[in-house]
Amino acid sequence: MSTQSPPSSESAALLCATYSSPSNASFTHTMSLSTLPRTTAQKKTYLAALRQATAQMQEVVNKELTARMEEDNKKAAEGKDSVVNCGKGQVDEKMEEENYGEEVVEEG
């Protein structure tokens, strides 16, 4: 996730998250925030809105990723997903659950 702000201080900032995967459809979720703040009170309000927007975006991303994980599991159960099966046998569900949302480097 990143926060992008346009050059003008009068325009809105964008909070944008993009997901791409070789085995699933990509998605992008973008939220617009109010104009960039100038005063301390405005900054406080802006940061509260940013915090709320980030939590909402995380909820959307989690739902999307959960749906993709369930889709991958369904394909694996049907034996049709070469990415999940990738010649190593079935996916270790316990390991997947423990490392959910974390980048794991496989040693080999």
PDB file of N, CA and C in Angstrom:
ATOM      1  N   MET A   1       0.842  -1.170   0.000  1.00  0.00           N
ATOM      2  CA  MET A   1       0.000   0.000   0.000  1.00  0.00           C
ATOM      3  C   MET A   1       0.885   1.231   0.000  1.00  0.00           C
ATOM      4  N   SER A   2       0.407   2.234  -0.676  1.00  0.00           N
ATOM      5  CA  SER A   2       1.173   3.466  -0.718  1.00  0.00           C
ATOM      6  C   SER A   2       0.224   4.646  -0.673  1.00  0.00           C
ATOM      7  N   THR A   3       0.746   5.735  -0.180  1.00  0.00           N
ATOM      8  CA  THR A   3      -0.017   6.972  -0.207  1.00  0.00           C
ATOM      9  C   THR A   3       0.619   7.849  -1.261  1.00  0.00           C
ATOM     10  N   GLN A   4      -0.173   8.252  -2.233  1.00  0.00           N
ATOM     11  CA  GLN A   4       0.325   9.108  -3.287  1.00  0.00           C
ATOM     12  C   GLN A   4      -0.338  10.458  -3.132  1.00  0.00           C
ATOM     13  N   SER A   5       0.451  11.502  -3.263  1.00  0.00           N
ATOM     14  CA  SER A   5      -0.151  12.826  -3.198  1.00  0.00           C
ATOM     15  C   SER A   5       0.178  13.576  -4.475  1.00  0.00           C
ATOM     16  N   PRO A   6      -0.816  14.157  -5.089  1.00  0.00           N
ATOM     17  CA  PRO A   6      -0.602  14.972  -6.280  1.00  0.00           C
ATOM     18  C   PRO A   6       0.217  16.208  -5.941  1.00  0.00           C
ATOM     19  N   PRO A   7       0.812  16.843  -6.935  1.00  0.00           N
ATOM     20  CA  PRO A   7       1.678  17.989  -6.680  1.00  0.00           C
ATOM     21  C   PRO A   7       0.995  19.159  -5.994  1.00  0.00           C
ATOM     22  N   SER A   8      -0.255  19.419  -6.282  1.00  0.00           N
ATOM     23  CA  SER A   8      -0.946  20.568  -5.707  1.00  0.00           C
ATOM     24  C   SER A   8      -1.380  20.279  -4.278  1.00  0.00           C
ATOM     25  N   SER A   9      -1.166  21.243  -3.375  1.00  0.00           N
ATOM     26  CA  SER A   9      -1.589  21.050  -1.992  1.00  0.00           C
ATOM     27  C   SER A   9      -3.098  21.188  -1.845  1.00  0.00           C
ATOM     28  N   GLU A  10      -3.785  21.631  -2.905  1.00  0.00           N
ATOM     29  CA  GLU A  10      -5.234  21.787  -2.861  1.00  0.00           C
ATOM     30  C   GLU A  10      -5.963  20.522  -3.304  1.00  0.00           C
ATOM     31  N   SER A  11      -5.261  19.544  -3.840  1.00  0.00           N
ATOM     32  CA  SER A  11      -5.931  18.354  -4.356  1.00  0.00           C
ATOM     33  C   SER A  11      -5.897  17.221  -3.338  1.00  0.00           C
ATOM     34  N   ALA A  12      -6.691  16.208  -3.610  1.00  0.00           N
ATOM     35  CA  ALA A  12      -6.822  15.081  -2.692  1.00  0.00           C
ATOM     36  C   ALA A  12      -5.630  14.137  -2.813  1.00  0.00           C
ATOM     37  N   ALA A  13      -5.378  13.397  -1.755  1.00  0.00           N
ATOM     38  CA  ALA A  13      -4.357  12.357  -1.749  1.00  0.00           C
ATOM     39  C   ALA A  13      -5.046  11.027  -2.036  1.00  0.00           C
ATOM     40  N   LEU A  14      -4.301  10.086  -2.593  1.00  0.00           N
ATOM     41  CA  LEU A  14      -4.847   8.772  -2.901  1.00  0.00           C
ATOM     42  C   LEU A  14      -4.134   7.709  -2.087  1.00  0.00           C
ATOM     43  N   LEU A  15      -4.902   6.773  -1.552  1.00  0.00           N
ATOM     44  CA  LEU A  15      -4.365   5.594  -0.885  1.00  0.00           C
ATOM     45  C   LEU A  15      -4.668   4.445  -1.827  1.00  0.00           C
ATOM     46  N   CYS A  16      -3.632   3.755  -2.295  1.00  0.00           N
ATOM     47  CA  CYS A  16      -3.814   2.758  -3.342  1.00  0.00           C
ATOM     48  C   CYS A  16      -3.080   1.470  -2.986  1.00  0.00           C
ATOM     49  N   ALA A  17      -3.764   0.329  -3.155  1.00  0.00           N
ATOM     50  CA  ALA A  17      -3.151  -0.987  -2.972  1.00  0.00           C
ATOM     51  C   ALA A  17      -3.376  -1.784  -4.246  1.00  0.00           C
ATOM     52  N   THR A  18      -2.321  -2.435  -4.735  1.00  0.00           N
ATOM     53  CA  THR A  18      -2.412  -3.256  -5.935  1.00  0.00           C
ATOM     54  C   THR A  18      -1.865  -4.637  -5.623  1.00  0.00           C
ATOM     55  N   TYR A  19      -2.583  -5.657  -6.080  1.00  0.00           N
ATOM     56  CA  TYR A  19      -2.162  -7.046  -5.895  1.00  0.00           C
ATOM     57  C   TYR A  19      -2.074  -7.694  -7.265  1.00  0.00           C
ATOM     58  N   SER A  20      -0.990  -8.401  -7.516  1.00  0.00           N
ATOM     59  CA  SER A  20      -0.884  -9.171  -8.750  1.00  0.00           C
ATOM     60  C   SER A  20      -0.270 -10.521  -8.427  1.00  0.00           C
ATOM     61  N   SER A  21      -0.682 -11.514  -9.196  1.00  0.00           N
ATOM     62  CA  SER A  21      -0.252 -12.881  -8.963  1.00  0.00           C
ATOM     63  C   SER A  21      -0.221 -13.599 -10.304  1.00  0.00           C
ATOM     64  N   PRO A  22       0.717 -14.531 -10.478  1.00  0.00           N
ATOM     65  CA  PRO A  22       0.738 -15.280 -11.738  1.00  0.00           C
ATOM     66  C   PRO A  22      -0.449 -16.236 -11.883  1.00  0.00           C
ATOM     67  N   SER A  23      -1.086 -16.601 -10.779  1.00  0.00           N
ATOM     68  CA  SER A  23      -2.160 -17.591 -10.850  1.00  0.00           C
ATOM     69  C   SER A  23      -3.548 -17.033 -10.561  1.00  0.00           C
ATOM     70  N   ASN A  24      -3.655 -15.766 -10.192  1.00  0.00           N
ATOM     71  CA  ASN A  24      -4.954 -15.159  -9.888  1.00  0.00           C
ATOM     72  C   ASN A  24      -5.073 -13.817 -10.593  1.00  0.00           C
ATOM     73  N   ALA A  25      -6.301 -13.369 -10.730  1.00  0.00           N
ATOM     74  CA  ALA A  25      -6.537 -12.052 -11.323  1.00  0.00           C
ATOM     75  C   ALA A  25      -6.000 -10.964 -10.396  1.00  0.00           C
ATOM     76  N   SER A  26      -5.462  -9.933 -10.986  1.00  0.00           N
ATOM     77  CA  SER A  26      -4.959  -8.795 -10.212  1.00  0.00           C
ATOM     78  C   SER A  26      -6.124  -7.926  -9.758  1.00  0.00           C
ATOM     79  N   PHE A  27      -5.892  -7.143  -8.711  1.00  0.00           N
ATOM     80  CA  PHE A  27      -6.883  -6.158  -8.306  1.00  0.00           C
ATOM     81  C   PHE A  27      -6.184  -4.937  -7.738  1.00  0.00           C
ATOM     82  N   THR A  28      -6.847  -3.821  -7.864  1.00  0.00           N
ATOM     83  CA  THR A  28      -6.371  -2.557  -7.314  1.00  0.00           C
ATOM     84  C   THR A  28      -7.520  -1.928  -6.551  1.00  0.00           C
ATOM     85  N   HIS A  29      -7.218  -1.402  -5.383  1.00  0.00           N
ATOM     86  CA  HIS A  29      -8.225  -0.705  -4.586  1.00  0.00           C
ATOM     87  C   HIS A  29      -7.655   0.673  -4.266  1.00  0.00           C
ATOM     88  N   THR A  30      -8.384   1.703  -4.633  1.00  0.00           N
ATOM     89  CA  THR A  30      -7.932   3.075  -4.431  1.00  0.00           C
ATOM     90  C   THR A  30      -8.976   3.846  -3.642  1.00  0.00           C
ATOM     91  N   MET A  31      -8.504   4.610  -2.676  1.00  0.00           N
ATOM     92  CA  MET A  31      -9.386   5.462  -1.878  1.00  0.00           C
ATOM     93  C   MET A  31      -8.848   6.883  -1.945  1.00  0.00           C
ATOM     94  N   SER A  32      -9.748   7.824  -2.074  1.00  0.00           N
ATOM     95  CA  SER A  32      -9.383   9.229  -2.103  1.00  0.00           C
ATOM     96  C   SER A  32      -9.563   9.819  -0.709  1.00  0.00           C
ATOM     97  N   LEU A  33      -8.586  10.600  -0.291  1.00  0.00           N
ATOM     98  CA  LEU A  33      -8.660  11.283   1.001  1.00  0.00           C
ATOM     99  C   LEU A  33      -8.891  12.767   0.754  1.00  0.00           C
ATOM    100  N   SER A  34      -9.313  13.458   1.777  1.00  0.00           N
ATOM    101  CA  SER A  34      -9.583  14.891   1.653  1.00  0.00           C
ATOM    102  C   SER A  34      -8.311  15.651   1.289  1.00  0.00           C
ATOM    103  N   THR A  35      -8.471  16.926   1.051  1.00  0.00           N
ATOM    104  CA  THR A  35      -7.336  17.756   0.667  1.00  0.00           C
ATOM    105  C   THR A  35      -6.226  17.673   1.707  1.00  0.00           C
ATOM    106  N   LEU A  36      -5.026  17.867   1.240  1.00  0.00           N
ATOM    107  CA  LEU A  36      -3.875  17.786   2.129  1.00  0.00           C
ATOM    108  C   LEU A  36      -3.934  18.913   3.160  1.00  0.00           C
ATOM    109  N   PRO A  37      -3.587  18.615   4.398  1.00  0.00           N
ATOM    110  CA  PRO A  37      -3.749  19.568   5.500  1.00  0.00           C
ATOM    111  C   PRO A  37      -2.695  20.672   5.520  1.00  0.00           C
ATOM    112  N   ARG A  38      -3.091  21.763   6.137  1.00  0.00           N
ATOM    113  CA  ARG A  38      -2.158  22.878   6.325  1.00  0.00           C
ATOM    114  C   ARG A  38      -1.939  23.159   7.809  1.00  0.00           C
ATOM    115  N   THR A  39      -3.011  23.158   8.586  1.00  0.00           N
ATOM    116  CA  THR A  39      -2.883  23.479  10.009  1.00  0.00           C
ATOM    117  C   THR A  39      -2.742  22.194  10.825  1.00  0.00           C
ATOM    118  N   THR A  40      -2.364  22.352  12.073  1.00  0.00           N
ATOM    119  CA  THR A  40      -2.224  21.202  12.961  1.00  0.00           C
ATOM    120  C   THR A  40      -3.549  20.478  13.136  1.00  0.00           C
ATOM    121  N   ALA A  41      -4.622  21.209  13.305  1.00  0.00           N
ATOM    122  CA  ALA A  41      -5.942  20.585  13.461  1.00  0.00           C
ATOM    123  C   ALA A  41      -6.327  19.809  12.202  1.00  0.00           C
ATOM    124  N   GLN A  42      -6.035  20.380  11.038  1.00  0.00           N
ATOM    125  CA  GLN A  42      -6.328  19.692   9.782  1.00  0.00           C
ATOM    126  C   GLN A  42      -5.476  18.432   9.638  1.00  0.00           C
ATOM    127  N   LYS A  43      -4.222  18.529  10.056  1.00  0.00           N
ATOM    128  CA  LYS A  43      -3.335  17.365   9.981  1.00  0.00           C
ATOM    129  C   LYS A  43      -3.842  16.248  10.883  1.00  0.00           C
ATOM    130  N   LYS A  44      -4.314  16.612  12.062  1.00  0.00           N
ATOM    131  CA  LYS A  44      -4.854  15.622  12.997  1.00  0.00           C
ATOM    132  C   LYS A  44      -6.071  14.925  12.384  1.00  0.00           C
ATOM    133  N   THR A  45      -6.964  15.695  11.789  1.00  0.00           N
ATOM    134  CA  THR A  45      -8.149  15.141  11.131  1.00  0.00           C
ATOM    135  C   THR A  45      -7.743  14.278   9.944  1.00  0.00           C
ATOM    136  N   TYR A  46      -6.781  14.759   9.174  1.00  0.00           N
ATOM    137  CA  TYR A  46      -6.292  14.026   8.006  1.00  0.00           C
ATOM    138  C   TYR A  46      -5.693  12.680   8.418  1.00  0.00           C
ATOM    139  N   LEU A  47      -4.872  12.681   9.462  1.00  0.00           N
ATOM    140  CA  LEU A  47      -4.250  11.435   9.916  1.00  0.00           C
ATOM    141  C   LEU A  47      -5.287  10.446  10.442  1.00  0.00           C
ATOM    142  N   ALA A  48      -6.322  10.944  11.105  1.00  0.00           N
ATOM    143  CA  ALA A  48      -7.405  10.063  11.567  1.00  0.00           C
ATOM    144  C   ALA A  48      -8.125   9.448  10.369  1.00  0.00           C
ATOM    145  N   ALA A  49      -8.372  10.249   9.337  1.00  0.00           N
ATOM    146  CA  ALA A  49      -9.019   9.741   8.124  1.00  0.00           C
ATOM    147  C   ALA A  49      -8.117   8.744   7.405  1.00  0.00           C
ATOM    148  N   LEU A  50      -6.828   9.021   7.377  1.00  0.00           N
ATOM    149  CA  LEU A  50      -5.868   8.105   6.757  1.00  0.00           C
ATOM    150  C   LEU A  50      -5.833   6.773   7.499  1.00  0.00           C
ATOM    151  N   ARG A  51      -5.835   6.838   8.819  1.00  0.00           N
ATOM    152  CA  ARG A  51      -5.844   5.629   9.643  1.00  0.00           C
ATOM    153  C   ARG A  51      -7.099   4.799   9.353  1.00  0.00           C
ATOM    154  N   GLN A  52      -8.249   5.464   9.281  1.00  0.00           N
ATOM    155  CA  GLN A  52      -9.508   4.769   9.003  1.00  0.00           C
ATOM    156  C   GLN A  52      -9.509   4.190   7.585  1.00  0.00           C
ATOM    157  N   ALA A  53      -9.024   4.947   6.617  1.00  0.00           N
ATOM    158  CA  ALA A  53      -8.971   4.473   5.232  1.00  0.00           C
ATOM    159  C   ALA A  53      -8.037   3.274   5.103  1.00  0.00           C
ATOM    160  N   THR A  54      -6.926   3.307   5.829  1.00  0.00           N
ATOM    161  CA  THR A  54      -5.984   2.194   5.800  1.00  0.00           C
ATOM    162  C   THR A  54      -6.616   0.935   6.376  1.00  0.00           C
ATOM    163  N   ALA A  55      -7.344   1.063   7.466  1.00  0.00           N
ATOM    164  CA  ALA A  55      -8.030  -0.093   8.061  1.00  0.00           C
ATOM    165  C   ALA A  55      -9.089  -0.645   7.109  1.00  0.00           C
ATOM    166  N   GLN A  56      -9.836   0.250   6.463  1.00  0.00           N
ATOM    167  CA  GLN A  56     -10.843  -0.195   5.497  1.00  0.00           C
ATOM    168  C   GLN A  56     -10.190  -0.897   4.313  1.00  0.00           C
ATOM    169  N   MET A  57      -9.080  -0.343   3.844  1.00  0.00           N
ATOM    170  CA  MET A  57      -8.380  -0.955   2.720  1.00  0.00           C
ATOM    171  C   MET A  57      -7.841  -2.325   3.106  1.00  0.00           C
ATOM    172  N   GLN A  58      -7.305  -2.450   4.303  1.00  0.00           N
ATOM    173  CA  GLN A  58      -6.793  -3.735   4.770  1.00  0.00           C
ATOM    174  C   GLN A  58      -7.910  -4.770   4.799  1.00  0.00           C
ATOM    175  N   GLU A  59      -9.100  -4.361   5.208  1.00  0.00           N
ATOM    176  CA  GLU A  59     -10.248  -5.267   5.230  1.00  0.00           C
ATOM    177  C   GLU A  59     -10.588  -5.748   3.815  1.00  0.00           C
ATOM    178  N   VAL A  60     -10.577  -4.831   2.855  1.00  0.00           N
ATOM    179  CA  VAL A  60     -10.862  -5.193   1.463  1.00  0.00           C
ATOM    180  C   VAL A  60      -9.794  -6.146   0.932  1.00  0.00           C
ATOM    181  N   VAL A  61      -8.528  -5.829   1.187  1.00  0.00           N
ATOM    182  CA  VAL A  61      -7.424  -6.668   0.725  1.00  0.00           C
ATOM    183  C   VAL A  61      -7.516  -8.056   1.354  1.00  0.00           C
ATOM    184  N   ASN A  62      -7.788  -8.124   2.651  1.00  0.00           N
ATOM    185  CA  ASN A  62      -7.911  -9.422   3.314  1.00  0.00           C
ATOM    186  C   ASN A  62      -9.029 -10.259   2.706  1.00  0.00           C
ATOM    187  N   LYS A  63     -10.175  -9.641   2.407  1.00  0.00           N
ATOM    188  CA  LYS A  63     -11.289 -10.368   1.783  1.00  0.00           C
ATOM    189  C   LYS A  63     -10.887 -10.887   0.413  1.00  0.00           C
ATOM    190  N   GLU A  64     -10.216 -10.051  -0.375  1.00  0.00           N
ATOM    191  CA  GLU A  64      -9.779 -10.459  -1.711  1.00  0.00           C
ATOM    192  C   GLU A  64      -8.786 -11.618  -1.632  1.00  0.00           C
ATOM    193  N   LEU A  65      -7.813 -11.508  -0.739  1.00  0.00           N
ATOM    194  CA  LEU A  65      -6.803 -12.560  -0.621  1.00  0.00           C
ATOM    195  C   LEU A  65      -7.398 -13.856  -0.076  1.00  0.00           C
ATOM    196  N   THR A  66      -8.337 -13.743   0.849  1.00  0.00           N
ATOM    197  CA  THR A  66      -9.011 -14.935   1.371  1.00  0.00           C
ATOM    198  C   THR A  66      -9.779 -15.628   0.258  1.00  0.00           C
ATOM    199  N   ALA A  67     -10.464 -14.858  -0.570  1.00  0.00           N
ATOM    200  CA  ALA A  67     -11.205 -15.440  -1.693  1.00  0.00           C
ATOM    201  C   ALA A  67     -10.254 -16.145  -2.652  1.00  0.00           C
ATOM    202  N   ARG A  68      -9.101 -15.553  -2.915  1.00  0.00           N
ATOM    203  CA  ARG A  68      -8.125 -16.182  -3.808  1.00  0.00           C
ATOM    204  C   ARG A  68      -7.534 -17.444  -3.189  1.00  0.00           C
ATOM    205  N   MET A  69      -7.281 -17.406  -1.889  1.00  0.00           N
ATOM    206  CA  MET A  69      -6.748 -18.581  -1.209  1.00  0.00           C
ATOM    207  C   MET A  69      -7.762 -19.721  -1.261  1.00  0.00           C
ATOM    208  N   GLU A  70      -9.037 -19.407  -1.037  1.00  0.00           N
ATOM    209  CA  GLU A  70     -10.076 -20.431  -1.109  1.00  0.00           C
ATOM    210  C   GLU A  70     -10.197 -20.981  -2.527  1.00  0.00           C
ATOM    211  N   GLU A  71     -10.067 -20.113  -3.513  1.00  0.00           N
ATOM    212  CA  GLU A  71     -10.113 -20.545  -4.913  1.00  0.00           C
ATOM    213  C   GLU A  71      -8.938 -21.472  -5.221  1.00  0.00           C
ATOM    214  N   ASP A  72      -7.736 -21.110  -4.759  1.00  0.00           N
ATOM    215  CA  ASP A  72      -6.560 -21.956  -4.956  1.00  0.00           C
ATOM    216  C   ASP A  72      -6.737 -23.312  -4.284  1.00  0.00           C
ATOM    217  N   ASN A  73      -7.280 -23.313  -3.068  1.00  0.00           N
ATOM    218  CA  ASN A  73      -7.507 -24.571  -2.352  1.00  0.00           C
ATOM    219  C   ASN A  73      -8.513 -25.446  -3.088  1.00  0.00           C
ATOM    220  N   LYS A  74      -9.542 -24.821  -3.634  1.00  0.00           N
ATOM    221  CA  LYS A  74     -10.553 -25.570  -4.385  1.00  0.00           C
ATOM    222  C   LYS A  74      -9.923 -26.188  -5.633  1.00  0.00           C
ATOM    223  N   LYS A  75      -9.124 -25.411  -6.345  1.00  0.00           N
ATOM    224  CA  LYS A  75      -8.445 -25.921  -7.538  1.00  0.00           C
ATOM    225  C   LYS A  75      -7.492 -27.053  -7.179  1.00  0.00           C
ATOM    226  N   ALA A  76      -6.776 -26.892  -6.070  1.00  0.00           N
ATOM    227  CA  ALA A  76      -5.833 -27.924  -5.641  1.00  0.00           C
ATOM    228  C   ALA A  76      -6.567 -29.211  -5.306  1.00  0.00           C
ATOM    229  N   ALA A  77      -7.720 -29.081  -4.656  1.00  0.00           N
ATOM    230  CA  ALA A  77      -8.512 -30.259  -4.301  1.00  0.00           C
ATOM    231  C   ALA A  77      -9.012 -30.968  -5.551  1.00  0.00           C
ATOM    232  N   GLU A  78      -9.266 -30.208  -6.592  1.00  0.00           N
ATOM    233  CA  GLU A  78      -9.711 -30.787  -7.850  1.00  0.00           C
ATOM    234  C   GLU A  78      -8.537 -31.292  -8.678  1.00  0.00           C
ATOM    235  N   GLY A  79      -7.304 -30.983  -8.255  1.00  0.00           N
ATOM    236  CA  GLY A  79      -6.112 -31.434  -8.962  1.00  0.00           C
ATOM    237  C   GLY A  79      -5.849 -30.682 -10.251  1.00  0.00           C
ATOM    238  N   LYS A  80      -6.377 -29.469 -10.374  1.00  0.00           N
ATOM    239  CA  LYS A  80      -6.263 -28.713 -11.614  1.00  0.00           C
ATOM    240  C   LYS A  80      -5.282 -27.554 -11.535  1.00  0.00           C
ATOM    241  N   ASP A  81      -4.702 -27.294 -10.414  1.00  0.00           N
ATOM    242  CA  ASP A  81      -3.866 -26.103 -10.266  1.00  0.00           C
ATOM    243  C   ASP A  81      -2.399 -26.501 -10.210  1.00  0.00           C
ATOM    244  N   SER A  82      -1.700 -26.337 -11.314  1.00  0.00           N
ATOM    245  CA  SER A  82      -0.295 -26.726 -11.359  1.00  0.00           C
ATOM    246  C   SER A  82       0.577 -25.824 -10.496  1.00  0.00           C
ATOM    247  N   VAL A  83       0.154 -24.586 -10.245  1.00  0.00           N
ATOM    248  CA  VAL A  83       0.945 -23.686  -9.404  1.00  0.00           C
ATOM    249  C   VAL A  83       0.920 -24.163  -7.962  1.00  0.00           C
ATOM    250  N   VAL A  84      -0.251 -24.550  -7.464  1.00  0.00           N
ATOM    251  CA  VAL A  84      -0.357 -25.017  -6.085  1.00  0.00           C
ATOM    252  C   VAL A  84       0.329 -26.366  -5.933  1.00  0.00           C
ATOM    253  N   ASN A  85       0.114 -27.263  -6.889  1.00  0.00           N
ATOM    254  CA  ASN A  85       0.687 -28.599  -6.787  1.00  0.00           C
ATOM    255  C   ASN A  85       2.161 -28.620  -7.161  1.00  0.00           C
ATOM    256  N   CYS A  86       2.570 -27.847  -8.103  1.00  0.00           N
ATOM    257  CA  CYS A  86       3.934 -27.634  -8.598  1.00  0.00           C
ATOM    258  C   CYS A  86       4.903 -28.788  -8.353  1.00  0.00           C
ATOM    259  N   GLY A  87       4.474 -30.002  -8.534  1.00  0.00           N
ATOM    260  CA  GLY A  87       5.354 -31.152  -8.479  1.00  0.00           C
ATOM    261  C   GLY A  87       5.841 -31.527  -7.097  1.00  0.00           C
ATOM    262  N   LYS A  88       5.424 -30.856  -6.075  1.00  0.00           N
ATOM    263  CA  LYS A  88       5.906 -31.124  -4.723  1.00  0.00           C
ATOM    264  C   LYS A  88       4.842 -31.802  -3.875  1.00  0.00           C
ATOM    265  N   GLY A  89       3.734 -32.165  -4.462  1.00  0.00           N
ATOM    266  CA  GLY A  89       2.649 -32.725  -3.659  1.00  0.00           C
ATOM    267  C   GLY A  89       1.706 -31.625  -3.241  1.00  0.00           C
ATOM    268  N   GLN A  90       0.878 -31.897  -2.280  1.00  0.00           N
ATOM    269  CA  GLN A  90      -0.129 -30.931  -1.845  1.00  0.00           C
ATOM    270  C   GLN A  90       0.494 -29.827  -0.986  1.00  0.00           C
ATOM    271  N   VAL A  91      -0.189 -28.717  -0.937  1.00  0.00           N
ATOM    272  CA  VAL A  91       0.234 -27.573  -0.128  1.00  0.00           C
ATOM    273  C   VAL A  91       0.098 -27.935   1.347  1.00  0.00           C
ATOM    274  N   ASP A  92       1.085 -27.561   2.139  1.00  0.00           N
ATOM    275  CA  ASP A  92       1.026 -27.777   3.581  1.00  0.00           C
ATOM    276  C   ASP A  92       0.121 -26.697   4.169  1.00  0.00           C
ATOM    277  N   GLU A  93      -1.134 -27.055   4.423  1.00  0.00           N
ATOM    278  CA  GLU A  93      -2.130 -26.085   4.887  1.00  0.00           C
ATOM    279  C   GLU A  93      -1.728 -25.434   6.206  1.00  0.00           C
ATOM    280  N   LYS A  94      -1.154 -26.203   7.120  1.00  0.00           N
ATOM    281  CA  LYS A  94      -0.756 -25.645   8.416  1.00  0.00           C
ATOM    282  C   LYS A  94       0.321 -24.578   8.223  1.00  0.00           C
ATOM    283  N   MET A  95       1.295 -24.872   7.363  1.00  0.00           N
ATOM    284  CA  MET A  95       2.368 -23.921   7.087  1.00  0.00           C
ATOM    285  C   MET A  95       1.806 -22.676   6.398  1.00  0.00           C
ATOM    286  N   GLU A  96       0.883 -22.867   5.468  1.00  0.00           N
ATOM    287  CA  GLU A  96       0.254 -21.737   4.786  1.00  0.00           C
ATOM    288  C   GLU A  96      -0.468 -20.835   5.779  1.00  0.00           C
ATOM    289  N   GLU A  97      -1.192 -21.433   6.714  1.00  0.00           N
ATOM    290  CA  GLU A  97      -1.952 -20.659   7.702  1.00  0.00           C
ATOM    291  C   GLU A  97      -1.006 -19.897   8.638  1.00  0.00           C
ATOM    292  N   GLU A  98       0.087 -20.544   9.055  1.00  0.00           N
ATOM    293  CA  GLU A  98       1.047 -19.898   9.955  1.00  0.00           C
ATOM    294  C   GLU A  98       1.720 -18.702   9.291  1.00  0.00           C
ATOM    295  N   ASN A  99       1.969 -18.805   7.987  1.00  0.00           N
ATOM    296  CA  ASN A  99       2.696 -17.763   7.271  1.00  0.00           C
ATOM    297  C   ASN A  99       1.785 -16.851   6.469  1.00  0.00           C
ATOM    298  N   TYR A 100       0.482 -16.898   6.734  1.00  0.00           N
ATOM    299  CA  TYR A 100      -0.479 -16.100   5.974  1.00  0.00           C
ATOM    300  C   TYR A 100      -0.128 -14.621   6.076  1.00  0.00           C
ATOM    301  N   GLY A 101       0.024 -13.984   4.928  1.00  0.00           N
ATOM    302  CA  GLY A 101       0.335 -12.558   4.890  1.00  0.00           C
ATOM    303  C   GLY A 101       1.813 -12.239   5.032  1.00  0.00           C
ATOM    304  N   GLU A 102       2.632 -13.253   5.201  1.00  0.00           N
ATOM    305  CA  GLU A 102       4.068 -13.049   5.365  1.00  0.00           C
ATOM    306  C   GLU A 102       4.794 -13.543   4.118  1.00  0.00           C
ATOM    307  N   GLU A 103       5.879 -12.882   3.780  1.00  0.00           N
ATOM    308  CA  GLU A 103       6.703 -13.348   2.676  1.00  0.00           C
ATOM    309  C   GLU A 103       7.645 -14.415   3.219  1.00  0.00           C
ATOM    310  N   VAL A 104       7.612 -15.590   2.609  1.00  0.00           N
ATOM    311  CA  VAL A 104       8.436 -16.700   3.061  1.00  0.00           C
ATOM    312  C   VAL A 104       9.399 -17.074   1.945  1.00  0.00           C
ATOM    313  N   VAL A 105      10.679 -17.118   2.252  1.00  0.00           N
ATOM    314  CA  VAL A 105      11.680 -17.536   1.288  1.00  0.00           C
ATOM    315  C   VAL A 105      11.950 -19.010   1.524  1.00  0.00           C
ATOM    316  N   GLU A 106      11.697 -19.816   0.480  1.00  0.00           N
ATOM    317  CA  GLU A 106      11.905 -21.256   0.618  1.00  0.00           C
ATOM    318  C   GLU A 106      13.364 -21.587   0.369  1.00  0.00           C
ATOM    319  N   GLU A 107      13.914 -22.406   1.227  1.00  0.00           N
ATOM    320  CA  GLU A 107      15.289 -22.850   1.069  1.00  0.00           C
ATOM    321  C   GLU A 107      15.282 -24.126   0.254  1.00  0.00           C
ATOM    322  N   GLY A 108      16.243 -24.272  -0.617  1.00  0.00           N
ATOM    323  CA  GLY A 108      16.213 -25.478  -1.428  1.00  0.00           C
ATOM    324  C   GLY A 108      17.413 -25.685  -2.175  1.00  0.00           C
TER     325      GLY A 108
END
